Amino acid sequence: MHPNAQTIETFYTCFGKRDAEGMIACYAPDVEFSDPVFPLLRGEEVFAMWRMLAGRAKDLRIEASGIAGDDITGRAHWEAYYTFSQTGAAVHNRIDASFVFRDGKITRHADRFDLHAWAGMALGSRGRLLGWLPWMQGQIRKTADKGLRAHIAKTRG
């Protein structure tokens, strides 16, 4: 296995254990992360997001597959099973991830998943009916960002 593929494997193994510090160790300090909920986070924001998500997760199960990497890029498919803390709803999210590496560390991590499908699972009928609307997706992003900013403020002071 290529060392960068091993880094991806380590990342998801740590995620499954809710070991945010282990995940963060796979990243370069200037990492950029994006997904449909957090469109662009950088460095400490990325680290805070994983600390927040790992800290909230009570019944998280991660299954990673299709892990591959070369000297510059990598990819994986992963599935997350958990209870969404805000609603108590069961979520099974299917995600495709791409990575860019520098000196053995992840510098760019992009996750892709169907936000409408996620909203339907996490938010119930409201998410199923309205989750495709740009306005609703904007509300999901706004709520997530507000939670992240509160988490950052709480951990700083």
N, C-alpha and C. Protein backbone atom coordinates (compact mmCIF):
# COMPACT_ATOMS: atom_id res chain seq x y z
N MET A 1 0.85 -1.18 0.00
CA MET A 1 0.00 0.00 0.00
C MET A 1 0.89 1.24 0.00
N HIS A 2 0.54 2.19 -0.85
CA HIS A 2 1.30 3.44 -0.91
C HIS A 2 1.19 4.16 0.43
N PRO A 3 2.25 4.85 0.88
CA PRO A 3 2.19 5.55 2.17
C PRO A 3 1.03 6.55 2.29
N ASN A 4 0.67 7.21 1.18
CA ASN A 4 -0.45 8.15 1.25
C ASN A 4 -1.79 7.41 1.39
N ALA A 5 -1.90 6.24 0.79
CA ALA A 5 -3.09 5.41 1.00
C ALA A 5 -3.14 4.96 2.46
N GLN A 6 -1.99 4.64 3.02
CA GLN A 6 -1.94 4.26 4.44
C GLN A 6 -2.38 5.41 5.33
N THR A 7 -2.03 6.64 4.97
CA THR A 7 -2.47 7.81 5.73
C THR A 7 -4.00 7.90 5.71
N ILE A 8 -4.60 7.67 4.54
CA ILE A 8 -6.07 7.68 4.44
C ILE A 8 -6.66 6.58 5.32
N GLU A 9 -6.08 5.41 5.25
CA GLU A 9 -6.55 4.29 6.09
C GLU A 9 -6.47 4.67 7.58
N THR A 10 -5.36 5.27 7.98
CA THR A 10 -5.19 5.70 9.37
C THR A 10 -6.24 6.73 9.74
N PHE A 11 -6.50 7.67 8.84
CA PHE A 11 -7.50 8.71 9.09
C PHE A 11 -8.85 8.09 9.42
N TYR A 12 -9.31 7.14 8.60
CA TYR A 12 -10.64 6.54 8.82
C TYR A 12 -10.65 5.58 10.01
N THR A 13 -9.54 4.92 10.28
CA THR A 13 -9.45 4.09 11.48
C THR A 13 -9.61 4.96 12.72
N CYS A 14 -8.92 6.08 12.74
CA CYS A 14 -9.04 7.02 13.86
C CYS A 14 -10.45 7.58 13.96
N PHE A 15 -11.05 7.91 12.82
CA PHE A 15 -12.41 8.44 12.81
C PHE A 15 -13.37 7.42 13.44
N GLY A 16 -13.23 6.17 13.07
CA GLY A 16 -14.08 5.13 13.63
C GLY A 16 -13.95 5.00 15.13
N LYS A 17 -12.78 5.36 15.65
CA LYS A 17 -12.54 5.33 17.10
C LYS A 17 -12.87 6.66 17.77
N ARG A 18 -13.35 7.63 16.96
CA ARG A 18 -13.65 8.99 17.44
C ARG A 18 -12.39 9.65 18.01
N ASP A 19 -11.26 9.35 17.38
CA ASP A 19 -9.95 9.88 17.78
C ASP A 19 -9.61 11.07 16.89
N ALA A 20 -10.15 12.23 17.25
CA ALA A 20 -9.95 13.43 16.43
C ALA A 20 -8.47 13.79 16.32
N GLU A 21 -7.72 13.63 17.39
CA GLU A 21 -6.29 13.99 17.34
C GLU A 21 -5.54 13.09 16.37
N GLY A 22 -5.90 11.83 16.31
CA GLY A 22 -5.29 10.93 15.33
C GLY A 22 -5.62 11.33 13.91
N MET A 23 -6.87 11.77 13.69
CA MET A 23 -7.27 12.25 12.37
C MET A 23 -6.48 13.50 11.99
N ILE A 24 -6.41 14.43 12.92
CA ILE A 24 -5.73 15.70 12.68
C ILE A 24 -4.25 15.48 12.37
N ALA A 25 -3.64 14.47 12.96
CA ALA A 25 -2.23 14.18 12.71
C ALA A 25 -1.97 13.79 11.25
N CYS A 26 -3.02 13.41 10.53
CA CYS A 26 -2.89 13.05 9.11
C CYS A 26 -2.85 14.27 8.20
N TYR A 27 -3.20 15.43 8.76
CA TYR A 27 -3.33 16.66 7.98
C TYR A 27 -2.09 17.54 8.10
N ALA A 28 -1.85 18.32 7.04
CA ALA A 28 -0.88 19.42 7.10
C ALA A 28 -1.54 20.57 7.87
N PRO A 29 -0.74 21.43 8.51
CA PRO A 29 -1.32 22.54 9.28
C PRO A 29 -2.21 23.47 8.45
N ASP A 30 -1.94 23.58 7.15
CA ASP A 30 -2.70 24.48 6.29
C ASP A 30 -3.75 23.75 5.44
N VAL A 31 -4.23 22.62 5.91
CA VAL A 31 -5.20 21.81 5.18
C VAL A 31 -6.44 22.61 4.83
N GLU A 32 -7.03 22.28 3.70
CA GLU A 32 -8.34 22.81 3.31
C GLU A 32 -9.30 21.64 3.21
N PHE A 33 -10.51 21.84 3.75
CA PHE A 33 -11.55 20.80 3.74
C PHE A 33 -12.82 21.39 3.17
N SER A 34 -13.54 20.58 2.41
CA SER A 34 -14.85 21.00 1.94
C SER A 34 -15.78 19.80 1.85
N ASP A 35 -17.05 20.06 2.10
CA ASP A 35 -18.12 19.10 1.86
C ASP A 35 -19.41 19.89 1.67
N PRO A 36 -20.53 19.24 1.38
CA PRO A 36 -21.76 20.00 1.14
C PRO A 36 -22.26 20.80 2.35
N VAL A 37 -21.86 20.47 3.56
CA VAL A 37 -22.29 21.20 4.75
C VAL A 37 -21.29 22.29 5.10
N PHE A 38 -20.01 21.98 5.03
CA PHE A 38 -18.93 22.94 5.31
C PHE A 38 -18.18 23.19 4.00
N PRO A 39 -18.63 24.20 3.22
CA PRO A 39 -18.07 24.39 1.88
C PRO A 39 -16.57 24.69 1.82
N LEU A 40 -16.03 25.36 2.84
CA LEU A 40 -14.59 25.58 2.85
C LEU A 40 -14.12 25.93 4.25
N LEU A 41 -13.33 25.03 4.79
CA LEU A 41 -12.69 25.25 6.09
C LEU A 41 -11.19 25.15 5.87
N ARG A 42 -10.44 25.87 6.72
CA ARG A 42 -8.98 25.86 6.61
C ARG A 42 -8.33 25.62 7.96
N GLY A 43 -7.26 24.88 7.97
CA GLY A 43 -6.41 24.71 9.15
C GLY A 43 -7.16 24.43 10.43
N GLU A 44 -7.06 25.34 11.38
CA GLU A 44 -7.67 25.15 12.70
C GLU A 44 -9.17 24.94 12.64
N GLU A 45 -9.84 25.52 11.64
CA GLU A 45 -11.28 25.28 11.49
C GLU A 45 -11.55 23.81 11.20
N VAL A 46 -10.72 23.21 10.36
CA VAL A 46 -10.86 21.78 10.04
C VAL A 46 -10.66 20.95 11.30
N PHE A 47 -9.62 21.27 12.04
CA PHE A 47 -9.33 20.51 13.26
C PHE A 47 -10.47 20.63 14.25
N ALA A 48 -11.01 21.84 14.39
CA ALA A 48 -12.12 22.07 15.32
C ALA A 48 -13.36 21.29 14.88
N MET A 49 -13.61 21.23 13.57
CA MET A 49 -14.77 20.49 13.07
C MET A 49 -14.67 19.02 13.46
N TRP A 50 -13.51 18.40 13.24
CA TRP A 50 -13.37 16.98 13.58
C TRP A 50 -13.45 16.76 15.08
N ARG A 51 -12.87 17.67 15.86
CA ARG A 51 -12.99 17.55 17.32
C ARG A 51 -14.45 17.64 17.75
N MET A 52 -15.19 18.56 17.15
CA MET A 52 -16.60 18.72 17.47
C MET A 52 -17.40 17.48 17.07
N LEU A 53 -17.22 17.02 15.85
CA LEU A 53 -17.99 15.87 15.37
C LEU A 53 -17.63 14.59 16.12
N ALA A 54 -16.36 14.38 16.35
CA ALA A 54 -15.95 13.18 17.10
C ALA A 54 -16.44 13.24 18.53
N GLY A 55 -16.45 14.42 19.11
CA GLY A 55 -16.91 14.58 20.48
C GLY A 55 -18.40 14.37 20.64
N ARG A 56 -19.17 14.71 19.63
CA ARG A 56 -20.63 14.53 19.68
C ARG A 56 -21.06 13.11 19.40
N ALA A 57 -20.26 12.39 18.63
CA ALA A 57 -20.65 11.06 18.15
C ALA A 57 -20.74 10.07 19.30
N LYS A 58 -21.89 9.49 19.46
CA LYS A 58 -22.09 8.50 20.52
C LYS A 58 -22.11 7.08 19.97
N ASP A 59 -22.65 6.92 18.77
CA ASP A 59 -22.82 5.58 18.20
C ASP A 59 -22.30 5.51 16.77
N LEU A 60 -21.25 6.24 16.51
CA LEU A 60 -20.68 6.35 15.17
C LEU A 60 -20.03 5.04 14.72
N ARG A 61 -20.32 4.67 13.48
CA ARG A 61 -19.62 3.54 12.85
C ARG A 61 -19.18 4.01 11.46
N ILE A 62 -17.91 3.80 11.16
CA ILE A 62 -17.33 4.22 9.88
C ILE A 62 -16.88 2.98 9.12
N GLU A 63 -17.23 2.92 7.85
CA GLU A 63 -16.74 1.85 6.96
C GLU A 63 -16.09 2.53 5.76
N ALA A 64 -14.80 2.34 5.61
CA ALA A 64 -14.06 2.93 4.49
C ALA A 64 -13.67 1.84 3.51
N SER A 65 -13.74 2.15 2.23
CA SER A 65 -13.37 1.20 1.18
C SER A 65 -12.80 1.97 0.00
N GLY A 66 -12.27 1.23 -0.97
CA GLY A 66 -11.74 1.86 -2.17
C GLY A 66 -10.62 2.85 -1.91
N ILE A 67 -9.88 2.61 -0.84
CA ILE A 67 -8.80 3.53 -0.49
C ILE A 67 -7.64 3.35 -1.47
N ALA A 68 -7.20 4.48 -2.03
CA ALA A 68 -6.09 4.46 -2.97
C ALA A 68 -5.32 5.77 -2.82
N GLY A 69 -4.04 5.70 -3.12
CA GLY A 69 -3.23 6.90 -3.06
C GLY A 69 -1.97 6.75 -3.87
N ASP A 70 -1.47 7.88 -4.33
CA ASP A 70 -0.18 7.91 -5.01
C ASP A 70 0.64 9.05 -4.40
N ASP A 71 1.66 9.51 -5.09
CA ASP A 71 2.53 10.53 -4.51
C ASP A 71 1.83 11.87 -4.27
N ILE A 72 0.74 12.13 -4.98
CA ILE A 72 0.10 13.44 -4.90
C ILE A 72 -1.36 13.37 -4.45
N THR A 73 -2.11 12.38 -4.91
CA THR A 73 -3.55 12.34 -4.66
C THR A 73 -3.98 11.03 -4.00
N GLY A 74 -5.21 11.04 -3.53
CA GLY A 74 -5.79 9.84 -2.96
C GLY A 74 -7.30 9.93 -3.02
N ARG A 75 -7.94 8.79 -2.73
CA ARG A 75 -9.39 8.75 -2.74
C ARG A 75 -9.87 7.63 -1.82
N ALA A 76 -11.13 7.75 -1.45
CA ALA A 76 -11.78 6.72 -0.64
C ALA A 76 -13.28 6.87 -0.76
N HIS A 77 -13.96 5.79 -0.53
CA HIS A 77 -15.41 5.81 -0.33
C HIS A 77 -15.59 5.47 1.14
N TRP A 78 -16.48 6.18 1.80
CA TRP A 78 -16.73 5.84 3.20
C TRP A 78 -18.19 6.03 3.52
N GLU A 79 -18.64 5.24 4.47
CA GLU A 79 -20.02 5.31 4.90
C GLU A 79 -20.04 5.52 6.40
N ALA A 80 -20.90 6.44 6.81
CA ALA A 80 -21.03 6.78 8.23
C ALA A 80 -22.43 6.40 8.69
N TYR A 81 -22.48 5.70 9.81
CA TYR A 81 -23.74 5.31 10.45
C TYR A 81 -23.73 5.96 11.83
N TYR A 82 -24.75 6.75 12.13
CA TYR A 82 -24.80 7.42 13.42
C TYR A 82 -26.20 7.96 13.68
N THR A 83 -26.41 8.40 14.91
CA THR A 83 -27.63 9.09 15.28
C THR A 83 -27.36 10.58 15.24
N PHE A 84 -28.17 11.32 14.48
CA PHE A 84 -28.01 12.77 14.39
C PHE A 84 -28.48 13.38 15.70
N SER A 85 -27.57 14.03 16.40
CA SER A 85 -27.83 14.47 17.78
C SER A 85 -28.98 15.46 17.89
N GLN A 86 -29.21 16.28 16.89
CA GLN A 86 -30.26 17.30 16.99
C GLN A 86 -31.67 16.73 16.89
N THR A 87 -31.82 15.59 16.22
CA THR A 87 -33.16 15.03 16.03
C THR A 87 -33.32 13.62 16.56
N GLY A 88 -32.21 12.95 16.85
CA GLY A 88 -32.28 11.55 17.27
C GLY A 88 -32.53 10.59 16.11
N ALA A 89 -32.43 11.09 14.88
CA ALA A 89 -32.69 10.27 13.69
C ALA A 89 -31.45 9.48 13.29
N ALA A 90 -31.70 8.27 12.78
CA ALA A 90 -30.61 7.42 12.28
C ALA A 90 -30.18 7.91 10.91
N VAL A 91 -28.87 8.00 10.71
CA VAL A 91 -28.30 8.46 9.44
C VAL A 91 -27.33 7.40 8.93
N HIS A 92 -27.41 7.14 7.62
CA HIS A 92 -26.44 6.31 6.91
C HIS A 92 -26.00 7.13 5.70
N ASN A 93 -24.89 7.83 5.86
CA ASN A 93 -24.41 8.72 4.81
C ASN A 93 -23.32 8.02 4.00
N ARG A 94 -23.41 8.17 2.69
CA ARG A 94 -22.45 7.58 1.76
C ARG A 94 -21.64 8.72 1.14
N ILE A 95 -20.32 8.64 1.30
CA ILE A 95 -19.45 9.76 0.95
C ILE A 95 -18.30 9.28 0.06
N ASP A 96 -17.97 10.08 -0.94
CA ASP A 96 -16.76 9.87 -1.73
C ASP A 96 -15.80 11.00 -1.40
N ALA A 97 -14.58 10.63 -1.09
CA ALA A 97 -13.57 11.60 -0.66
C ALA A 97 -12.40 11.63 -1.63
N SER A 98 -11.86 12.83 -1.82
CA SER A 98 -10.62 12.97 -2.58
C SER A 98 -9.62 13.75 -1.73
N PHE A 99 -8.36 13.46 -1.94
CA PHE A 99 -7.29 14.03 -1.12
C PHE A 99 -6.16 14.50 -2.01
N VAL A 100 -5.46 15.52 -1.53
CA VAL A 100 -4.21 15.96 -2.12
C VAL A 100 -3.18 15.94 -1.00
N PHE A 101 -1.97 15.46 -1.33
CA PHE A 101 -0.91 15.29 -0.34
C PHE A 101 0.30 16.16 -0.64
N ARG A 102 1.00 16.51 0.43
CA ARG A 102 2.30 17.16 0.35
C ARG A 102 3.13 16.62 1.52
N ASP A 103 4.27 16.06 1.22
CA ASP A 103 5.18 15.54 2.24
C ASP A 103 4.48 14.56 3.19
N GLY A 104 3.62 13.71 2.63
CA GLY A 104 2.97 12.67 3.42
C GLY A 104 1.79 13.12 4.26
N LYS A 105 1.40 14.38 4.14
CA LYS A 105 0.26 14.91 4.91
C LYS A 105 -0.83 15.35 3.94
N ILE A 106 -2.08 15.26 4.38
CA ILE A 106 -3.21 15.70 3.58
C ILE A 106 -3.26 17.23 3.59
N THR A 107 -3.25 17.84 2.39
CA THR A 107 -3.35 19.29 2.29
C THR A 107 -4.72 19.74 1.77
N ARG A 108 -5.43 18.83 1.15
CA ARG A 108 -6.77 19.12 0.62
C ARG A 108 -7.61 17.87 0.79
N HIS A 109 -8.79 18.03 1.39
CA HIS A 109 -9.71 16.92 1.61
C HIS A 109 -11.09 17.40 1.20
N ALA A 110 -11.68 16.76 0.21
CA ALA A 110 -13.01 17.12 -0.26
C ALA A 110 -13.91 15.89 -0.17
N ASP A 111 -15.02 16.04 0.55
CA ASP A 111 -16.03 14.99 0.66
C ASP A 111 -17.23 15.37 -0.19
N ARG A 112 -17.76 14.40 -0.92
CA ARG A 112 -18.96 14.62 -1.73
C ARG A 112 -20.04 13.64 -1.30
N PHE A 113 -21.23 14.18 -1.04
CA PHE A 113 -22.39 13.35 -0.74
C PHE A 113 -23.66 14.11 -1.10
N ASP A 114 -24.76 13.40 -1.14
CA ASP A 114 -26.06 13.97 -1.51
C ASP A 114 -26.66 14.66 -0.28
N LEU A 115 -26.61 15.99 -0.25
CA LEU A 115 -27.10 16.73 0.90
C LEU A 115 -28.61 16.56 1.08
N HIS A 116 -29.35 16.45 -0.01
CA HIS A 116 -30.79 16.23 0.09
C HIS A 116 -31.07 14.88 0.76
N ALA A 117 -30.37 13.84 0.35
CA ALA A 117 -30.56 12.53 0.98
C ALA A 117 -30.18 12.59 2.46
N TRP A 118 -29.08 13.26 2.78
CA TRP A 118 -28.67 13.40 4.19
C TRP A 118 -29.76 14.13 4.98
N ALA A 119 -30.28 15.23 4.42
CA ALA A 119 -31.32 16.01 5.11
C ALA A 119 -32.56 15.16 5.37
N GLY A 120 -32.91 14.31 4.41
CA GLY A 120 -34.07 13.44 4.59
C GLY A 120 -33.88 12.47 5.75
N MET A 121 -32.67 11.96 5.90
CA MET A 121 -32.40 11.05 7.02
C MET A 121 -32.30 11.82 8.34
N ALA A 122 -31.52 12.89 8.35
CA ALA A 122 -31.22 13.60 9.60
C ALA A 122 -32.38 14.44 10.09
N LEU A 123 -33.13 15.05 9.17
CA LEU A 123 -34.17 16.01 9.55
C LEU A 123 -35.59 15.48 9.36
N GLY A 124 -35.71 14.26 8.86
CA GLY A 124 -37.04 13.66 8.70
C GLY A 124 -37.81 14.25 7.54
N SER A 125 -39.13 14.32 7.71
CA SER A 125 -40.00 14.72 6.60
C SER A 125 -39.67 16.12 6.09
N ARG A 126 -39.31 17.02 6.98
CA ARG A 126 -38.94 18.38 6.55
C ARG A 126 -37.73 18.33 5.60
N GLY A 127 -36.74 17.51 5.95
CA GLY A 127 -35.57 17.36 5.10
C GLY A 127 -35.88 16.67 3.78
N ARG A 128 -36.76 15.66 3.83
CA ARG A 128 -37.15 14.96 2.60
C ARG A 128 -37.89 15.89 1.65
N LEU A 129 -38.79 16.71 2.21
CA LEU A 129 -39.61 17.58 1.37
C LEU A 129 -38.86 18.82 0.89
N LEU A 130 -38.02 19.39 1.76
CA LEU A 130 -37.40 20.67 1.45
C LEU A 130 -35.89 20.62 1.25
N GLY A 131 -35.27 19.48 1.51
CA GLY A 131 -33.82 19.37 1.50
C GLY A 131 -33.15 19.63 0.17
N TRP A 132 -33.91 19.60 -0.90
CA TRP A 132 -33.34 19.87 -2.23
C TRP A 132 -33.26 21.36 -2.53
N LEU A 133 -34.01 22.17 -1.75
CA LEU A 133 -34.06 23.60 -2.01
C LEU A 133 -32.77 24.30 -1.59
N PRO A 134 -32.25 25.19 -2.43
CA PRO A 134 -31.05 25.94 -2.06
C PRO A 134 -31.22 26.66 -0.72
N TRP A 135 -32.41 27.21 -0.46
CA TRP A 135 -32.65 27.90 0.81
C TRP A 135 -32.45 26.95 1.99
N MET A 136 -33.02 25.76 1.90
CA MET A 136 -32.90 24.79 3.00
C MET A 136 -31.45 24.34 3.16
N GLN A 137 -30.77 24.09 2.06
CA GLN A 137 -29.36 23.69 2.14
C GLN A 137 -28.54 24.81 2.74
N GLY A 138 -28.88 26.06 2.43
CA GLY A 138 -28.21 27.20 3.05
C GLY A 138 -28.45 27.24 4.55
N GLN A 139 -29.66 26.91 4.99
CA GLN A 139 -29.97 26.87 6.42
C GLN A 139 -29.17 25.78 7.13
N ILE A 140 -29.02 24.64 6.47
CA ILE A 140 -28.23 23.54 7.03
C ILE A 140 -26.79 24.01 7.22
N ARG A 141 -26.24 24.65 6.21
CA ARG A 141 -24.86 25.16 6.29
C ARG A 141 -24.72 26.21 7.38
N LYS A 142 -25.68 27.11 7.44
CA LYS A 142 -25.65 28.19 8.43
C LYS A 142 -25.70 27.62 9.85
N THR A 143 -26.57 26.65 10.08
CA THR A 143 -26.69 26.03 11.40
C THR A 143 -25.40 25.30 11.77
N ALA A 144 -24.84 24.57 10.81
CA ALA A 144 -23.59 23.84 11.06
C ALA A 144 -22.45 24.81 11.36
N ASP A 145 -22.35 25.89 10.60
CA ASP A 145 -21.29 26.87 10.83
C ASP A 145 -21.46 27.53 12.19
N LYS A 146 -22.68 27.85 12.56
CA LYS A 146 -22.94 28.44 13.87
C LYS A 146 -22.49 27.50 14.98
N GLY A 147 -22.79 26.20 14.83
CA GLY A 147 -22.34 25.21 15.81
C GLY A 147 -20.83 25.12 15.89
N LEU A 148 -20.17 25.16 14.72
CA LEU A 148 -18.71 25.10 14.69
C LEU A 148 -18.11 26.34 15.36
N ARG A 149 -18.64 27.51 15.05
CA ARG A 149 -18.12 28.75 15.66
C ARG A 149 -18.32 28.73 17.18
N ALA A 150 -19.44 28.21 17.64
CA ALA A 150 -19.68 28.11 19.09
C ALA A 150 -18.70 27.14 19.72
N HIS A 151 -18.43 26.04 19.03
CA HIS A 151 -17.47 25.06 19.54
C HIS A 151 -16.08 25.67 19.63
N ILE A 152 -15.69 26.41 18.61
CA ILE A 152 -14.37 27.06 18.61
C ILE A 152 -14.28 28.05 19.76
N ALA A 153 -15.30 28.87 19.93
CA ALA A 153 -15.30 29.86 21.01
C ALA A 153 -15.23 29.18 22.39
N LYS A 154 -15.97 28.10 22.54
CA LYS A 154 -16.00 27.37 23.82
C LYS A 154 -14.64 26.76 24.15
N THR A 155 -13.97 26.22 23.16
CA THR A 155 -12.69 25.57 23.40
C THR A 155 -11.55 26.57 23.56
N ARG A 156 -11.74 27.78 23.09
CA ARG A 156 -10.70 28.81 23.24
C ARG A 156 -10.77 29.49 24.59
N GLY A 157 -11.95 29.52 25.17
CA GLY A 157 -12.00 30.36 26.34
C GLY A 157 -12.71 29.82 27.50
